């Protein structure tokens, strides 16, 4: 409504791409946790 501001939204293609990516992202995060173990801080 305020012409000085704009926003952004996912398209249907974007929503589908994100849905496809989410399990792959979770798998990658889990793989890294398994590889690196649980670290209490960045230095560790």
ModelCIF file with pLDDT and N, C-alpha, C, O atoms, coordinates in Angstrom:
data_MODEL
#
_entry.id   MODEL 
#
_entity.id                         1 
_entity.type                       polymer 
_entity.pdbx_number_of_molecules   1 
#
_entity_poly.entity_id                      1 
_entity_poly.type                           'polypeptide(L)' 
_entity_poly.nstd_linkage                   no 
_entity_poly.nstd_monomer                   no 
_entity_poly.pdbx_seq_one_letter_code       
;(UNK)(UNK)(UNK)(UNK)(UNK)(UNK)(UNK)(UNK)(UNK)(UNK)(UNK)(UNK)(UNK)(UNK)(UNK)(UNK)
(UNK)(UNK)(UNK)(UNK)(UNK)(UNK)(UNK)(UNK)(UNK)(UNK)(UNK)(UNK)(UNK)(UNK)(UNK)(UNK)
(UNK)(UNK)(UNK)(UNK)(UNK)(UNK)(UNK)(UNK)(UNK)(UNK)(UNK)(UNK)
;
_entity_poly.pdbx_seq_one_letter_code_can   XXXXXXXXXXXXXXXXXXXXXXXXXXXXXXXXXXXXXXXXXXXX 
_entity_poly.pdbx_strand_id                 A 
#
loop_
_entity_poly_seq.entity_id 
_entity_poly_seq.num 
_entity_poly_seq.mon_id 
_entity_poly_seq.hetero 
1 1  UNK n 
1 2  UNK n 
1 3  UNK n 
1 4  UNK n 
1 5  UNK n 
1 6  UNK n 
1 7  UNK n 
1 8  UNK n 
1 9  UNK n 
1 10 UNK n 
1 11 UNK n 
1 12 UNK n 
1 13 UNK n 
1 14 UNK n 
1 15 UNK n 
1 16 UNK n 
1 17 UNK n 
1 18 UNK n 
1 19 UNK n 
1 20 UNK n 
1 21 UNK n 
1 22 UNK n 
1 23 UNK n 
1 24 UNK n 
1 25 UNK n 
1 26 UNK n 
1 27 UNK n 
1 28 UNK n 
1 29 UNK n 
1 30 UNK n 
1 31 UNK n 
1 32 UNK n 
1 33 UNK n 
1 34 UNK n 
1 35 UNK n 
1 36 UNK n 
1 37 UNK n 
1 38 UNK n 
1 39 UNK n 
1 40 UNK n 
1 41 UNK n 
1 42 UNK n 
1 43 UNK n 
1 44 UNK n 
#
_struct_asym.id          A 
_struct_asym.entity_id   1 
#
loop_
_ma_qa_metric.id 
_ma_qa_metric.mode 
_ma_qa_metric.name 
_ma_qa_metric.software_group_id 
_ma_qa_metric.type 
1 global pLDDT . pLDDT 
2 local  pLDDT . pLDDT 
#
_ma_qa_metric_global.metric_id      1 
_ma_qa_metric_global.metric_value   83.75 
_ma_qa_metric_global.model_id       1 
_ma_qa_metric_global.ordinal_id     1 
#
loop_
_ma_qa_metric_local.label_asym_id 
_ma_qa_metric_local.label_comp_id 
_ma_qa_metric_local.label_seq_id 
_ma_qa_metric_local.metric_id 
_ma_qa_metric_local.metric_value 
_ma_qa_metric_local.model_id 
_ma_qa_metric_local.ordinal_id 
A UNK 1  2 64.00 1 1  
A UNK 2  2 65.00 1 2  
A UNK 3  2 60.00 1 3  
A UNK 4  2 63.00 1 4  
A UNK 5  2 71.00 1 5  
A UNK 6  2 81.00 1 6  
A UNK 7  2 87.00 1 7  
A UNK 8  2 91.00 1 8  
A UNK 9  2 92.00 1 9  
A UNK 10 2 95.00 1 10 
A UNK 11 2 96.00 1 11 
A UNK 12 2 96.00 1 12 
A UNK 13 2 97.00 1 13 
A UNK 14 2 96.00 1 14 
A UNK 15 2 96.00 1 15 
A UNK 16 2 97.00 1 16 
A UNK 17 2 96.00 1 17 
A UNK 18 2 96.00 1 18 
A UNK 19 2 96.00 1 19 
A UNK 20 2 96.00 1 20 
A UNK 21 2 95.00 1 21 
A UNK 22 2 95.00 1 22 
A UNK 23 2 96.00 1 23 
A UNK 24 2 95.00 1 24 
A UNK 25 2 93.00 1 25 
A UNK 26 2 93.00 1 26 
A UNK 27 2 94.00 1 27 
A UNK 28 2 91.00 1 28 
A UNK 29 2 86.00 1 29 
A UNK 30 2 88.00 1 30 
A UNK 31 2 88.00 1 31 
A UNK 32 2 81.00 1 32 
A UNK 33 2 79.00 1 33 
A UNK 34 2 81.00 1 34 
A UNK 35 2 77.00 1 35 
A UNK 36 2 72.00 1 36 
A UNK 37 2 70.00 1 37 
A UNK 38 2 66.00 1 38 
A UNK 39 2 63.00 1 39 
A UNK 40 2 66.00 1 40 
A UNK 41 2 70.00 1 41 
A UNK 42 2 69.00 1 42 
A UNK 43 2 73.00 1 43 
A UNK 44 2 73.00 1 44 
#
loop_
_atom_site.group_PDB 
_atom_site.id 
_atom_site.type_symbol 
_atom_site.label_atom_id 
_atom_site.label_alt_id 
_atom_site.label_comp_id 
_atom_site.label_asym_id 
_atom_site.label_entity_id 
_atom_site.label_seq_id 
_atom_site.pdbx_PDB_ins_code 
_atom_site.Cartn_x 
_atom_site.Cartn_y 
_atom_site.Cartn_z 
_atom_site.occupancy 
_atom_site.B_iso_or_equiv 
_atom_site.pdbx_formal_charge 
_atom_site.auth_seq_id 
_atom_site.auth_comp_id 
_atom_site.auth_asym_id 
_atom_site.auth_atom_id 
_atom_site.pdbx_PDB_model_num 
ATOM 1   N N  . UNK A 1 1  ? 0.839  -1.196  0.000  1.00 64.00 ? 1  UNK A N  1 
ATOM 2   C CA . UNK A 1 1  ? 0.000  0.000   0.000  1.00 64.00 ? 1  UNK A CA 1 
ATOM 3   C C  . UNK A 1 1  ? 0.878  1.251   0.000  1.00 64.00 ? 1  UNK A C  1 
ATOM 4   O O  . UNK A 1 1  ? 0.572  2.232   -0.678 1.00 64.00 ? 1  UNK A O  1 
ATOM 5   N N  . UNK A 1 2  ? 1.956  1.209   0.755  1.00 65.00 ? 2  UNK A N  1 
ATOM 6   C CA . UNK A 1 2  ? 2.936  2.291   0.769  1.00 65.00 ? 2  UNK A CA 1 
ATOM 7   C C  . UNK A 1 2  ? 3.854  2.061   -0.430 1.00 65.00 ? 2  UNK A C  1 
ATOM 8   O O  . UNK A 1 2  ? 4.649  1.120   -0.428 1.00 65.00 ? 2  UNK A O  1 
ATOM 9   N N  . UNK A 1 3  ? 3.755  2.887   -1.428 1.00 60.00 ? 3  UNK A N  1 
ATOM 10  C CA . UNK A 1 3  ? 4.487  2.676   -2.674 1.00 60.00 ? 3  UNK A CA 1 
ATOM 11  C C  . UNK A 1 3  ? 6.001  2.716   -2.510 1.00 60.00 ? 3  UNK A C  1 
ATOM 12  O O  . UNK A 1 3  ? 6.732  2.278   -3.399 1.00 60.00 ? 3  UNK A O  1 
ATOM 13  N N  . UNK A 1 4  ? 6.479  3.238   -1.385 1.00 63.00 ? 4  UNK A N  1 
ATOM 14  C CA . UNK A 1 4  ? 7.924  3.293   -1.151 1.00 63.00 ? 4  UNK A CA 1 
ATOM 15  C C  . UNK A 1 4  ? 8.464  1.945   -0.700 1.00 63.00 ? 4  UNK A C  1 
ATOM 16  O O  . UNK A 1 4  ? 9.676  1.728   -0.732 1.00 63.00 ? 4  UNK A O  1 
ATOM 17  N N  . UNK A 1 5  ? 7.593  1.039   -0.283 1.00 71.00 ? 5  UNK A N  1 
ATOM 18  C CA . UNK A 1 5  ? 8.028  -0.268  0.232  1.00 71.00 ? 5  UNK A CA 1 
ATOM 19  C C  . UNK A 1 5  ? 7.545  -1.371  -0.705 1.00 71.00 ? 5  UNK A C  1 
ATOM 20  O O  . UNK A 1 5  ? 6.481  -1.263  -1.314 1.00 71.00 ? 5  UNK A O  1 
ATOM 21  N N  . UNK A 1 6  ? 8.319  -2.399  -0.805 1.00 81.00 ? 6  UNK A N  1 
ATOM 22  C CA . UNK A 1 6  ? 7.898  -3.573  -1.568 1.00 81.00 ? 6  UNK A CA 1 
ATOM 23  C C  . UNK A 1 6  ? 8.262  -4.807  -0.767 1.00 81.00 ? 6  UNK A C  1 
ATOM 24  O O  . UNK A 1 6  ? 9.027  -4.746  0.195  1.00 81.00 ? 6  UNK A O  1 
ATOM 25  N N  . UNK A 1 7  ? 7.705  -5.914  -1.180 1.00 87.00 ? 7  UNK A N  1 
ATOM 26  C CA . UNK A 1 7  ? 7.960  -7.178  -0.502 1.00 87.00 ? 7  UNK A CA 1 
ATOM 27  C C  . UNK A 1 7  ? 8.309  -8.245  -1.514 1.00 87.00 ? 7  UNK A C  1 
ATOM 28  O O  . UNK A 1 7  ? 8.597  -7.956  -2.676 1.00 87.00 ? 7  UNK A O  1 
ATOM 29  N N  . UNK A 1 8  ? 8.279  -9.461  -1.064 1.00 91.00 ? 8  UNK A N  1 
ATOM 30  C CA . UNK A 1 8  ? 8.628  -10.580 -1.930 1.00 91.00 ? 8  UNK A CA 1 
ATOM 31  C C  . UNK A 1 8  ? 7.868  -11.805 -1.449 1.00 91.00 ? 8  UNK A C  1 
ATOM 32  O O  . UNK A 1 8  ? 7.587  -11.948 -0.259 1.00 91.00 ? 8  UNK A O  1 
ATOM 33  N N  . UNK A 1 9  ? 7.538  -12.688 -2.390 1.00 92.00 ? 9  UNK A N  1 
ATOM 34  C CA . UNK A 1 9  ? 6.881  -13.946 -2.041 1.00 92.00 ? 9  UNK A CA 1 
ATOM 35  C C  . UNK A 1 9  ? 7.385  -15.043 -2.957 1.00 92.00 ? 9  UNK A C  1 
ATOM 36  O O  . UNK A 1 9  ? 7.873  -14.777 -4.056 1.00 92.00 ? 9  UNK A O  1 
ATOM 37  N N  . UNK A 1 10 ? 7.262  -16.269 -2.498 1.00 95.00 ? 10 UNK A N  1 
ATOM 38  C CA . UNK A 1 10 ? 7.642  -17.411 -3.330 1.00 95.00 ? 10 UNK A CA 1 
ATOM 39  C C  . UNK A 1 10 ? 6.605  -17.599 -4.428 1.00 95.00 ? 10 UNK A C  1 
ATOM 40  O O  . UNK A 1 10 ? 5.411  -17.400 -4.208 1.00 95.00 ? 10 UNK A O  1 
ATOM 41  N N  . UNK A 1 11 ? 7.064  -17.978 -5.593 1.00 96.00 ? 11 UNK A N  1 
ATOM 42  C CA . UNK A 1 11 ? 6.149  -18.405 -6.647 1.00 96.00 ? 11 UNK A CA 1 
ATOM 43  C C  . UNK A 1 11 ? 5.796  -19.871 -6.378 1.00 96.00 ? 11 UNK A C  1 
ATOM 44  O O  . UNK A 1 11 ? 6.359  -20.495 -5.479 1.00 96.00 ? 11 UNK A O  1 
ATOM 45  N N  . UNK A 1 12 ? 4.875  -20.407 -7.150 1.00 96.00 ? 12 UNK A N  1 
ATOM 46  C CA . UNK A 1 12 ? 4.568  -21.835 -7.021 1.00 96.00 ? 12 UNK A CA 1 
ATOM 47  C C  . UNK A 1 12 ? 5.814  -22.675 -7.310 1.00 96.00 ? 12 UNK A C  1 
ATOM 48  O O  . UNK A 1 12 ? 6.055  -23.688 -6.654 1.00 96.00 ? 12 UNK A O  1 
ATOM 49  N N  . UNK A 1 13 ? 6.596  -22.244 -8.295 1.00 97.00 ? 13 UNK A N  1 
ATOM 50  C CA . UNK A 1 13 ? 7.846  -22.944 -8.622 1.00 97.00 ? 13 UNK A CA 1 
ATOM 51  C C  . UNK A 1 13 ? 8.818  -22.867 -7.449 1.00 97.00 ? 13 UNK A C  1 
ATOM 52  O O  . UNK A 1 13 ? 9.485  -23.850 -7.126 1.00 97.00 ? 13 UNK A O  1 
ATOM 53  N N  . UNK A 1 14 ? 8.898  -21.710 -6.820 1.00 96.00 ? 14 UNK A N  1 
ATOM 54  C CA . UNK A 1 14 ? 9.770  -21.535 -5.663 1.00 96.00 ? 14 UNK A CA 1 
ATOM 55  C C  . UNK A 1 14 ? 9.334  -22.389 -4.486 1.00 96.00 ? 14 UNK A C  1 
ATOM 56  O O  . UNK A 1 14 ? 10.166 -22.993 -3.809 1.00 96.00 ? 14 UNK A O  1 
ATOM 57  N N  . UNK A 1 15 ? 8.032  -22.440 -4.242 1.00 96.00 ? 15 UNK A N  1 
ATOM 58  C CA . UNK A 1 15 ? 7.515  -23.256 -3.145 1.00 96.00 ? 15 UNK A CA 1 
ATOM 59  C C  . UNK A 1 15 ? 7.816  -24.736 -3.394 1.00 96.00 ? 15 UNK A C  1 
ATOM 60  O O  . UNK A 1 15 ? 8.177  -25.463 -2.468 1.00 96.00 ? 15 UNK A O  1 
ATOM 61  N N  . UNK A 1 16 ? 7.669  -25.176 -4.635 1.00 97.00 ? 16 UNK A N  1 
ATOM 62  C CA . UNK A 1 16 ? 7.975  -26.575 -4.979 1.00 97.00 ? 16 UNK A CA 1 
ATOM 63  C C  . UNK A 1 16 ? 9.463  -26.854 -4.830 1.00 97.00 ? 16 UNK A C  1 
ATOM 64  O O  . UNK A 1 16 ? 9.846  -27.909 -4.325 1.00 97.00 ? 16 UNK A O  1 
ATOM 65  N N  . UNK A 1 17 ? 10.307 -25.918 -5.263 1.00 96.00 ? 17 UNK A N  1 
ATOM 66  C CA . UNK A 1 17 ? 11.758 -26.093 -5.133 1.00 96.00 ? 17 UNK A CA 1 
ATOM 67  C C  . UNK A 1 17 ? 12.162 -26.167 -3.661 1.00 96.00 ? 17 UNK A C  1 
ATOM 68  O O  . UNK A 1 17 ? 13.005 -26.982 -3.288 1.00 96.00 ? 17 UNK A O  1 
ATOM 69  N N  . UNK A 1 18 ? 11.564 -25.317 -2.829 1.00 96.00 ? 18 UNK A N  1 
ATOM 70  C CA . UNK A 1 18 ? 11.875 -25.335 -1.406 1.00 96.00 ? 18 UNK A CA 1 
ATOM 71  C C  . UNK A 1 18 ? 11.419 -26.640 -0.771 1.00 96.00 ? 18 UNK A C  1 
ATOM 72  O O  . UNK A 1 18 ? 12.121 -27.201 0.071  1.00 96.00 ? 18 UNK A O  1 
ATOM 73  N N  . UNK A 1 19 ? 10.261 -27.121 -1.164 1.00 96.00 ? 19 UNK A N  1 
ATOM 74  C CA . UNK A 1 19 ? 9.765  -28.393 -0.636 1.00 96.00 ? 19 UNK A CA 1 
ATOM 75  C C  . UNK A 1 19 ? 10.697 -29.544 -1.019 1.00 96.00 ? 19 UNK A C  1 
ATOM 76  O O  . UNK A 1 19 ? 10.931 -30.445 -0.214 1.00 96.00 ? 19 UNK A O  1 
ATOM 77  N N  . UNK A 1 20 ? 11.221 -29.519 -2.223 1.00 96.00 ? 20 UNK A N  1 
ATOM 78  C CA . UNK A 1 20 ? 12.176 -30.530 -2.667 1.00 96.00 ? 20 UNK A CA 1 
ATOM 79  C C  . UNK A 1 20 ? 13.493 -30.408 -1.906 1.00 96.00 ? 20 UNK A C  1 
ATOM 80  O O  . UNK A 1 20 ? 14.112 -31.415 -1.564 1.00 96.00 ? 20 UNK A O  1 
ATOM 81  N N  . UNK A 1 21 ? 13.916 -29.182 -1.642 1.00 95.00 ? 21 UNK A N  1 
ATOM 82  C CA . UNK A 1 21 ? 15.214 -28.941 -0.996 1.00 95.00 ? 21 UNK A CA 1 
ATOM 83  C C  . UNK A 1 21 ? 15.212 -29.274 0.491  1.00 95.00 ? 21 UNK A C  1 
ATOM 84  O O  . UNK A 1 21 ? 16.248 -29.666 1.028  1.00 95.00 ? 21 UNK A O  1 
ATOM 85  N N  . UNK A 1 22 ? 14.089 -29.131 1.162  1.00 95.00 ? 22 UNK A N  1 
ATOM 86  C CA . UNK A 1 22 ? 14.069 -29.279 2.617  1.00 95.00 ? 22 UNK A CA 1 
ATOM 87  C C  . UNK A 1 22 ? 14.592 -30.626 3.118  1.00 95.00 ? 22 UNK A C  1 
ATOM 88  O O  . UNK A 1 22 ? 15.435 -30.639 4.014  1.00 95.00 ? 22 UNK A O  1 
ATOM 89  N N  . UNK A 1 23 ? 14.132 -31.756 2.583  1.00 96.00 ? 23 UNK A N  1 
ATOM 90  C CA . UNK A 1 23 ? 14.698 -33.021 3.082  1.00 96.00 ? 23 UNK A CA 1 
ATOM 91  C C  . UNK A 1 23 ? 16.178 -33.181 2.736  1.00 96.00 ? 23 UNK A C  1 
ATOM 92  O O  . UNK A 1 23 ? 16.927 -33.789 3.500  1.00 96.00 ? 23 UNK A O  1 
ATOM 93  N N  . UNK A 1 24 ? 16.601 -32.649 1.607  1.00 95.00 ? 24 UNK A N  1 
ATOM 94  C CA . UNK A 1 24 ? 18.013 -32.704 1.238  1.00 95.00 ? 24 UNK A CA 1 
ATOM 95  C C  . UNK A 1 24 ? 18.846 -31.873 2.216  1.00 95.00 ? 24 UNK A C  1 
ATOM 96  O O  . UNK A 1 24 ? 19.938 -32.287 2.604  1.00 95.00 ? 24 UNK A O  1 
ATOM 97  N N  . UNK A 1 25 ? 18.341 -30.713 2.612  1.00 93.00 ? 25 UNK A N  1 
ATOM 98  C CA . UNK A 1 25 ? 19.017 -29.857 3.583  1.00 93.00 ? 25 UNK A CA 1 
ATOM 99  C C  . UNK A 1 25 ? 19.117 -30.560 4.935  1.00 93.00 ? 25 UNK A C  1 
ATOM 100 O O  . UNK A 1 25 ? 20.170 -30.550 5.572  1.00 93.00 ? 25 UNK A O  1 
ATOM 101 N N  . UNK A 1 26 ? 18.018 -31.166 5.365  1.00 93.00 ? 26 UNK A N  1 
ATOM 102 C CA . UNK A 1 26 ? 18.038 -31.894 6.650  1.00 93.00 ? 26 UNK A CA 1 
ATOM 103 C C  . UNK A 1 26 ? 19.049 -33.033 6.597  1.00 93.00 ? 26 UNK A C  1 
ATOM 104 O O  . UNK A 1 26 ? 19.791 -33.244 7.557  1.00 93.00 ? 26 UNK A O  1 
ATOM 105 N N  . UNK A 1 27 ? 19.087 -33.763 5.499  1.00 94.00 ? 27 UNK A N  1 
ATOM 106 C CA . UNK A 1 27 ? 20.051 -34.865 5.354  1.00 94.00 ? 27 UNK A CA 1 
ATOM 107 C C  . UNK A 1 27 ? 21.486 -34.347 5.408  1.00 94.00 ? 27 UNK A C  1 
ATOM 108 O O  . UNK A 1 27 ? 22.346 -34.954 6.046  1.00 94.00 ? 27 UNK A O  1 
ATOM 109 N N  . UNK A 1 28 ? 21.740 -33.234 4.741  1.00 91.00 ? 28 UNK A N  1 
ATOM 110 C CA . UNK A 1 28 ? 23.093 -32.654 4.748  1.00 91.00 ? 28 UNK A CA 1 
ATOM 111 C C  . UNK A 1 28 ? 23.477 -32.203 6.152  1.00 91.00 ? 28 UNK A C  1 
ATOM 112 O O  . UNK A 1 28 ? 24.614 -32.405 6.578  1.00 91.00 ? 28 UNK A O  1 
ATOM 113 N N  . UNK A 1 29 ? 22.543 -31.597 6.871  1.00 86.00 ? 29 UNK A N  1 
ATOM 114 C CA . UNK A 1 29 ? 22.811 -31.161 8.234  1.00 86.00 ? 29 UNK A CA 1 
ATOM 115 C C  . UNK A 1 29 ? 23.095 -32.358 9.140  1.00 86.00 ? 29 UNK A C  1 
ATOM 116 O O  . UNK A 1 29 ? 24.006 -32.314 9.967  1.00 86.00 ? 29 UNK A O  1 
ATOM 117 N N  . UNK A 1 30 ? 22.328 -33.408 8.985  1.00 88.00 ? 30 UNK A N  1 
ATOM 118 C CA . UNK A 1 30 ? 22.526 -34.620 9.787  1.00 88.00 ? 30 UNK A CA 1 
ATOM 119 C C  . UNK A 1 30 ? 23.873 -35.267 9.478  1.00 88.00 ? 30 UNK A C  1 
ATOM 120 O O  . UNK A 1 30 ? 24.568 -35.732 10.381 1.00 88.00 ? 30 UNK A O  1 
ATOM 121 N N  . UNK A 1 31 ? 24.236 -35.292 8.197  1.00 88.00 ? 31 UNK A N  1 
ATOM 122 C CA . UNK A 1 31 ? 25.521 -35.852 7.806  1.00 88.00 ? 31 UNK A CA 1 
ATOM 123 C C  . UNK A 1 31 ? 26.665 -35.069 8.462  1.00 88.00 ? 31 UNK A C  1 
ATOM 124 O O  . UNK A 1 31 ? 27.621 -35.664 8.958  1.00 88.00 ? 31 UNK A O  1 
ATOM 125 N N  . UNK A 1 32 ? 26.564 -33.744 8.462  1.00 81.00 ? 32 UNK A N  1 
ATOM 126 C CA . UNK A 1 32 ? 27.611 -32.931 9.078  1.00 81.00 ? 32 UNK A CA 1 
ATOM 127 C C  . UNK A 1 32 ? 27.651 -33.144 10.597 1.00 81.00 ? 32 UNK A C  1 
ATOM 128 O O  . UNK A 1 32 ? 28.732 -33.207 11.182 1.00 81.00 ? 32 UNK A O  1 
ATOM 129 N N  . UNK A 1 33 ? 26.493 -33.253 11.233 1.00 79.00 ? 33 UNK A N  1 
ATOM 130 C CA . UNK A 1 33 ? 26.476 -33.529 12.676 1.00 79.00 ? 33 UNK A CA 1 
ATOM 131 C C  . UNK A 1 33 ? 27.133 -34.871 12.974 1.00 79.00 ? 33 UNK A C  1 
ATOM 132 O O  . UNK A 1 33 ? 27.886 -34.995 13.940 1.00 79.00 ? 33 UNK A O  1 
ATOM 133 N N  . UNK A 1 34 ? 26.853 -35.868 12.155 1.00 81.00 ? 34 UNK A N  1 
ATOM 134 C CA . UNK A 1 34 ? 27.464 -37.189 12.348 1.00 81.00 ? 34 UNK A CA 1 
ATOM 135 C C  . UNK A 1 34 ? 28.974 -37.138 12.131 1.00 81.00 ? 34 UNK A C  1 
ATOM 136 O O  . UNK A 1 34 ? 29.732 -37.798 12.842 1.00 81.00 ? 34 UNK A O  1 
ATOM 137 N N  . UNK A 1 35 ? 29.399 -36.363 11.160 1.00 77.00 ? 35 UNK A N  1 
ATOM 138 C CA . UNK A 1 35 ? 30.818 -36.252 10.858 1.00 77.00 ? 35 UNK A CA 1 
ATOM 139 C C  . UNK A 1 35 ? 31.587 -35.475 11.907 1.00 77.00 ? 35 UNK A C  1 
ATOM 140 O O  . UNK A 1 35 ? 32.688 -35.856 12.305 1.00 77.00 ? 35 UNK A O  1 
ATOM 141 N N  . UNK A 1 36 ? 30.989 -34.379 12.348 1.00 72.00 ? 36 UNK A N  1 
ATOM 142 C CA . UNK A 1 36 ? 31.694 -33.481 13.253 1.00 72.00 ? 36 UNK A CA 1 
ATOM 143 C C  . UNK A 1 36 ? 31.371 -33.730 14.717 1.00 72.00 ? 36 UNK A C  1 
ATOM 144 O O  . UNK A 1 36 ? 32.111 -33.293 15.598 1.00 72.00 ? 36 UNK A O  1 
ATOM 145 N N  . UNK A 1 37 ? 30.291 -34.417 14.981 1.00 70.00 ? 37 UNK A N  1 
ATOM 146 C CA . UNK A 1 37 ? 29.867 -34.623 16.354 1.00 70.00 ? 37 UNK A CA 1 
ATOM 147 C C  . UNK A 1 37 ? 29.235 -33.361 16.909 1.00 70.00 ? 37 UNK A C  1 
ATOM 148 O O  . UNK A 1 37 ? 29.137 -32.340 16.228 1.00 70.00 ? 37 UNK A O  1 
ATOM 149 N N  . UNK A 1 38 ? 28.814 -33.451 18.142 1.00 66.00 ? 38 UNK A N  1 
ATOM 150 C CA . UNK A 1 38 ? 28.190 -32.294 18.791 1.00 66.00 ? 38 UNK A CA 1 
ATOM 151 C C  . UNK A 1 38 ? 29.285 -31.436 19.397 1.00 66.00 ? 38 UNK A C  1 
ATOM 152 O O  . UNK A 1 38 ? 30.036 -31.888 20.262 1.00 66.00 ? 38 UNK A O  1 
ATOM 153 N N  . UNK A 1 39 ? 29.371 -30.219 18.948 1.00 63.00 ? 39 UNK A N  1 
ATOM 154 C CA . UNK A 1 39 ? 30.372 -29.292 19.487 1.00 63.00 ? 39 UNK A CA 1 
ATOM 155 C C  . UNK A 1 39 ? 29.672 -28.271 20.365 1.00 63.00 ? 39 UNK A C  1 
ATOM 156 O O  . UNK A 1 39 ? 28.620 -27.742 20.008 1.00 63.00 ? 39 UNK A O  1 
ATOM 157 N N  . UNK A 1 40 ? 30.268 -28.002 21.521 1.00 66.00 ? 40 UNK A N  1 
ATOM 158 C CA . UNK A 1 40 ? 29.675 -27.028 22.430 1.00 66.00 ? 40 UNK A CA 1 
ATOM 159 C C  . UNK A 1 40 ? 29.937 -25.598 21.979 1.00 66.00 ? 40 UNK A C  1 
ATOM 160 O O  . UNK A 1 40 ? 29.159 -24.698 22.295 1.00 66.00 ? 40 UNK A O  1 
ATOM 161 N N  . UNK A 1 41 ? 31.004 -25.384 21.257 1.00 70.00 ? 41 UNK A N  1 
ATOM 162 C CA . UNK A 1 41 ? 31.291 -24.039 20.784 1.00 70.00 ? 41 UNK A CA 1 
ATOM 163 C C  . UNK A 1 41 ? 32.082 -24.093 19.489 1.00 70.00 ? 41 UNK A C  1 
ATOM 164 O O  . UNK A 1 41 ? 32.539 -25.154 19.065 1.00 70.00 ? 41 UNK A O  1 
ATOM 165 N N  . UNK A 1 42 ? 32.232 -22.949 18.878 1.00 69.00 ? 42 UNK A N  1 
ATOM 166 C CA . UNK A 1 42 ? 32.897 -22.862 17.585 1.00 69.00 ? 42 UNK A CA 1 
ATOM 167 C C  . UNK A 1 42 ? 34.357 -23.290 17.648 1.00 69.00 ? 42 UNK A C  1 
ATOM 168 O O  . UNK A 1 42 ? 34.833 -23.964 16.734 1.00 69.00 ? 42 UNK A O  1 
ATOM 169 N N  . UNK A 1 43 ? 35.073 -22.923 18.689 1.00 73.00 ? 43 UNK A N  1 
ATOM 170 C CA . UNK A 1 43 ? 36.487 -23.305 18.789 1.00 73.00 ? 43 UNK A CA 1 
ATOM 171 C C  . UNK A 1 43 ? 36.644 -24.818 18.858 1.00 73.00 ? 43 UNK A C  1 
ATOM 172 O O  . UNK A 1 43 ? 37.549 -25.379 18.241 1.00 73.00 ? 43 UNK A O  1 
ATOM 173 N N  . UNK A 1 44 ? 35.781 -25.467 19.595 1.00 73.00 ? 44 UNK A N  1 
ATOM 174 C CA . UNK A 1 44 ? 35.844 -26.922 19.665 1.00 73.00 ? 44 UNK A CA 1 
ATOM 175 C C  . UNK A 1 44 ? 35.580 -27.529 18.293 1.00 73.00 ? 44 UNK A C  1 
ATOM 176 O O  . UNK A 1 44 ? 35.591 -28.751 18.147 1.00 73.00 ? 44 UNK A O  1 
#
